[in-house]
Amino acid sequence: MAKKVVATMQSGIKKDMVKLVIPMVSLKTGAYTFKSKMMTYDEAMSFVDSKKGV
């Protein structure tokens, strides 16, 4: 029998993963595009903190 994907993903080291969606403005058209990244919670918070002053 094949293993379930859910069962294999739950084993091992757990890290809090978040999906960060970053809106960007196209220079050609002015339309918004979105870029998404999967990263740990700590990496996401440090990224957001670095962009607060911009």
Protein backbone atom coordinates (compact mmCIF):
# COMPACT_ATOMS: atom_id res chain seq x y z
CA MET A 1 0.00 0.00 0.00
CA ALA A 2 1.18 3.51 -0.76
CA LYS A 3 1.82 5.93 2.06
CA LYS A 4 -0.35 8.97 2.34
CA VAL A 5 1.36 12.30 1.69
CA VAL A 6 -0.18 13.82 4.80
CA ALA A 7 1.34 11.14 7.01
CA THR A 8 4.84 11.67 5.61
CA MET A 9 4.62 15.46 5.88
CA GLN A 10 3.69 15.35 9.57
CA SER A 11 6.74 13.35 10.62
CA GLY A 12 10.11 15.01 11.17
CA ILE A 13 11.04 18.46 12.36
CA LYS A 14 8.16 20.93 12.44
CA LYS A 15 8.72 24.49 11.34
CA ASP A 16 6.10 27.18 11.08
CA MET A 17 5.86 27.84 7.37
CA VAL A 18 4.03 30.82 5.95
CA LYS A 19 3.25 31.99 2.43
CA LEU A 20 4.30 35.58 1.87
CA VAL A 21 2.53 37.37 -1.00
CA ILE A 22 4.32 40.51 -2.18
CA PRO A 23 2.47 43.01 -4.40
CA MET A 24 4.65 44.62 -7.07
CA VAL A 25 3.88 47.35 -9.62
CA SER A 26 4.85 46.72 -13.23
CA LEU A 27 6.98 49.54 -14.65
CA LYS A 28 5.61 49.06 -18.18
CA THR A 29 1.87 48.99 -17.54
CA GLY A 30 1.44 50.17 -13.96
CA ALA A 31 -0.58 47.04 -13.19
CA TYR A 32 -0.10 45.13 -9.96
CA THR A 33 1.51 41.71 -10.01
CA PHE A 34 1.96 39.38 -7.07
CA LYS A 35 5.01 37.34 -6.14
CA SER A 36 4.64 34.59 -3.55
CA LYS A 37 7.26 32.82 -1.42
CA MET A 38 7.16 30.03 1.12
CA MET A 39 9.42 30.69 4.11
CA THR A 40 9.66 30.12 7.82
CA TYR A 41 7.80 32.45 10.17
CA ASP A 42 11.05 33.97 11.49
CA GLU A 43 12.34 34.72 7.98
CA ALA A 44 9.01 36.30 7.02
CA MET A 45 8.96 38.53 10.09
CA SER A 46 12.52 39.74 9.47
CA PHE A 47 11.63 40.44 5.81
CA VAL A 48 8.53 42.43 6.79
CA ASP A 49 10.45 44.35 9.47
CA SER A 50 13.14 45.32 6.94
CA LYS A 51 10.48 46.70 4.54
CA LYS A 52 8.49 48.75 7.10
CA GLY A 53 10.43 51.98 6.56
CA VAL A 54 10.16 51.86 2.77
